Amino acid sequence: MKKQTLGRMIAALRKERGMTQADLAGRLGVTDKAVSKWERDLSCPDIASLPTLAQTLGVSVDELMQAQTAGGAAGQPGGQAEQIAGVILKAVPLAMGVAVVVLSLLKQLDLNSGFGMLGVAALCLTAAVWQGERKKED
């Protein structure tokens, strides 16, 4: 099964077995509204219910745990936190570069501080490239 969110996986497996949300909810002792929230990736099943959920859906707990979180879905380019981190990793080098130029022009920056700031910028760029490569592998 290709990478997908836990909610999408639950929905697909439930439908494959011809079950309604109410059927699945009844077997797990939860409401159909809870199942709906899981399938829409608004919440996740309680960890204690994972063995029963896996058994009901005919998969292992390990397979359920392999599903991505809502933010990291295969159809989405990374989770919200990962997207924010990507923006930060790209914005910091730009901000550092601008700061080095402006402070240098104002003669408010010594050489060591300038190199330090540019070093931080280089590390952020490296991390952004690494993050992009990791996304390509997924």
Protein backbone atom coordinates (compact mmCIF):
# COMPACT_ATOMS: atom_id res chain seq x y z
CA MET A 1 0.00 0.00 0.00
CA LYS A 2 1.41 3.38 -0.96
CA LYS A 3 2.12 5.97 1.70
CA GLN A 4 -0.99 7.75 2.85
CA THR A 5 -2.40 9.30 5.97
CA LEU A 6 -3.74 7.13 8.74
CA GLY A 7 -7.22 8.53 8.11
CA ARG A 8 -7.15 7.69 4.42
CA MET A 9 -5.83 4.23 5.22
CA ILE A 10 -8.62 3.60 7.74
CA ALA A 11 -11.25 4.80 5.27
CA ALA A 12 -9.89 2.70 2.41
CA LEU A 13 -9.57 -0.46 4.50
CA ARG A 14 -13.02 0.04 6.02
CA LYS A 15 -14.59 0.44 2.57
CA GLU A 16 -12.70 -2.60 1.23
CA ARG A 17 -14.40 -4.65 3.93
CA GLY A 18 -17.80 -3.17 3.13
CA MET A 19 -18.14 -1.55 6.52
CA THR A 20 -19.79 1.75 7.34
CA GLN A 21 -18.31 4.20 9.79
CA ALA A 22 -21.01 3.12 12.23
CA ASP A 23 -20.03 -0.56 11.80
CA LEU A 24 -16.39 0.19 12.54
CA ALA A 25 -17.33 2.44 15.44
CA GLY A 26 -19.50 -0.29 16.96
CA ARG A 27 -16.68 -2.84 16.81
CA LEU A 28 -14.29 -0.40 18.48
CA GLY A 29 -16.69 1.00 21.07
CA VAL A 30 -16.47 4.57 19.77
CA THR A 31 -18.91 6.84 17.96
CA ASP A 32 -19.23 7.06 14.21
CA LYS A 33 -18.31 10.73 14.61
CA ALA A 34 -14.95 9.64 16.06
CA VAL A 35 -14.34 7.37 13.05
CA SER A 36 -15.30 10.25 10.75
CA LYS A 37 -12.74 12.50 12.45
CA TRP A 38 -10.06 9.83 12.07
CA GLU A 39 -10.81 9.41 8.40
CA ARG A 40 -10.67 13.16 7.81
CA ASP A 41 -7.37 13.32 9.73
CA LEU A 42 -8.85 15.65 12.34
CA SER A 43 -7.93 13.26 15.14
CA CYS A 44 -6.33 9.86 15.64
CA PRO A 45 -7.55 6.70 17.31
CA ASP A 46 -6.49 6.14 20.90
CA ILE A 47 -3.30 4.11 21.02
CA ALA A 48 -5.01 1.45 23.14
CA SER A 49 -7.54 0.83 20.36
CA LEU A 50 -4.91 0.28 17.64
CA PRO A 51 -4.68 -3.52 18.06
CA THR A 52 -8.46 -3.91 17.76
CA LEU A 53 -8.59 -1.43 14.87
CA ALA A 54 -5.82 -3.26 13.04
CA GLN A 55 -7.45 -6.64 13.57
CA THR A 56 -10.84 -5.32 12.43
CA LEU A 57 -9.31 -3.82 9.28
CA GLY A 58 -7.23 -6.93 8.56
CA VAL A 59 -3.80 -5.31 8.89
CA SER A 60 -1.06 -5.32 11.47
CA VAL A 61 -0.56 -2.55 14.00
CA ASP A 62 2.80 -2.05 12.32
CA GLU A 63 1.09 -1.30 9.00
CA LEU A 64 -1.19 1.24 10.69
CA MET A 65 1.80 2.87 12.34
CA GLN A 66 3.53 3.17 8.96
CA ALA A 67 0.82 5.55 7.76
CA GLN A 68 1.90 9.15 7.63
CA THR A 69 0.44 11.84 9.80
CA ALA A 70 -2.06 14.15 8.16
CA GLY A 71 0.57 16.77 7.54
CA GLY A 72 2.88 14.31 5.84
CA ALA A 73 0.44 12.75 3.43
CA ALA A 74 1.70 11.48 0.10
CA GLY A 75 -0.50 13.98 -1.69
CA GLN A 76 0.76 16.85 0.37
CA PRO A 77 4.31 18.23 0.24
CA GLY A 78 5.09 17.72 3.93
CA GLY A 79 3.23 18.52 7.07
CA GLN A 80 2.42 22.01 8.24
CA ALA A 81 5.33 21.97 10.69
CA GLU A 82 7.64 20.68 7.98
CA GLN A 83 6.45 23.38 5.59
CA ILE A 84 7.01 26.07 8.22
CA ALA A 85 10.48 24.69 8.91
CA GLY A 86 11.21 24.80 5.18
CA VAL A 87 10.17 28.43 4.94
CA ILE A 88 12.27 29.32 7.98
CA LEU A 89 15.29 27.45 6.60
CA LYS A 90 15.03 29.50 3.42
CA ALA A 91 14.19 32.84 5.07
CA VAL A 92 16.96 32.84 7.68
CA PRO A 93 19.81 32.83 5.13
CA LEU A 94 18.19 35.71 3.25
CA ALA A 95 17.70 37.66 6.47
CA MET A 96 21.26 36.95 7.59
CA GLY A 97 22.65 38.03 4.24
CA VAL A 98 20.67 41.26 4.27
CA ALA A 99 21.69 41.92 7.87
CA VAL A 100 25.37 41.38 7.07
CA VAL A 101 25.21 43.77 4.12
CA VAL A 102 23.27 46.48 5.98
CA LEU A 103 25.36 46.25 9.15
CA SER A 104 28.55 46.28 7.09
CA LEU A 105 27.44 49.39 5.21
CA LEU A 106 26.61 51.05 8.54
CA LYS A 107 30.01 49.93 9.88
CA GLN A 108 28.25 48.19 12.77
CA LEU A 109 29.56 44.69 12.10
CA ASP A 110 32.94 43.22 12.90
CA LEU A 111 34.47 40.53 10.70
CA ASN A 112 33.98 37.64 13.15
CA SER A 113 30.29 38.43 13.69
CA GLY A 114 29.75 38.72 9.94
CA PHE A 115 31.32 35.34 9.30
CA GLY A 116 29.30 33.88 12.14
CA MET A 117 26.06 35.16 10.66
CA LEU A 118 26.98 33.90 7.20
CA GLY A 119 27.87 30.52 8.77
CA VAL A 120 24.39 30.28 10.27
CA ALA A 121 22.96 31.16 6.87
CA ALA A 122 25.03 28.42 5.21
CA LEU A 123 23.85 25.86 7.78
CA CYS A 124 20.22 26.81 7.16
CA LEU A 125 20.67 26.48 3.41
CA THR A 126 22.28 23.07 3.88
CA ALA A 127 19.38 21.96 6.08
CA ALA A 128 16.87 23.21 3.50
CA VAL A 129 18.62 21.26 0.74
CA TRP A 130 18.74 18.16 2.94
CA GLN A 131 15.02 18.53 3.72
CA GLY A 132 14.24 18.79 0.01
CA GLU A 133 16.29 15.66 -0.77
CA ARG A 134 14.51 13.76 1.97
CA LYS A 135 11.12 14.72 0.49
CA LYS A 136 12.20 13.42 -2.91
CA GLU A 137 13.03 10.03 -1.35
CA ASP A 138 9.55 9.78 0.18
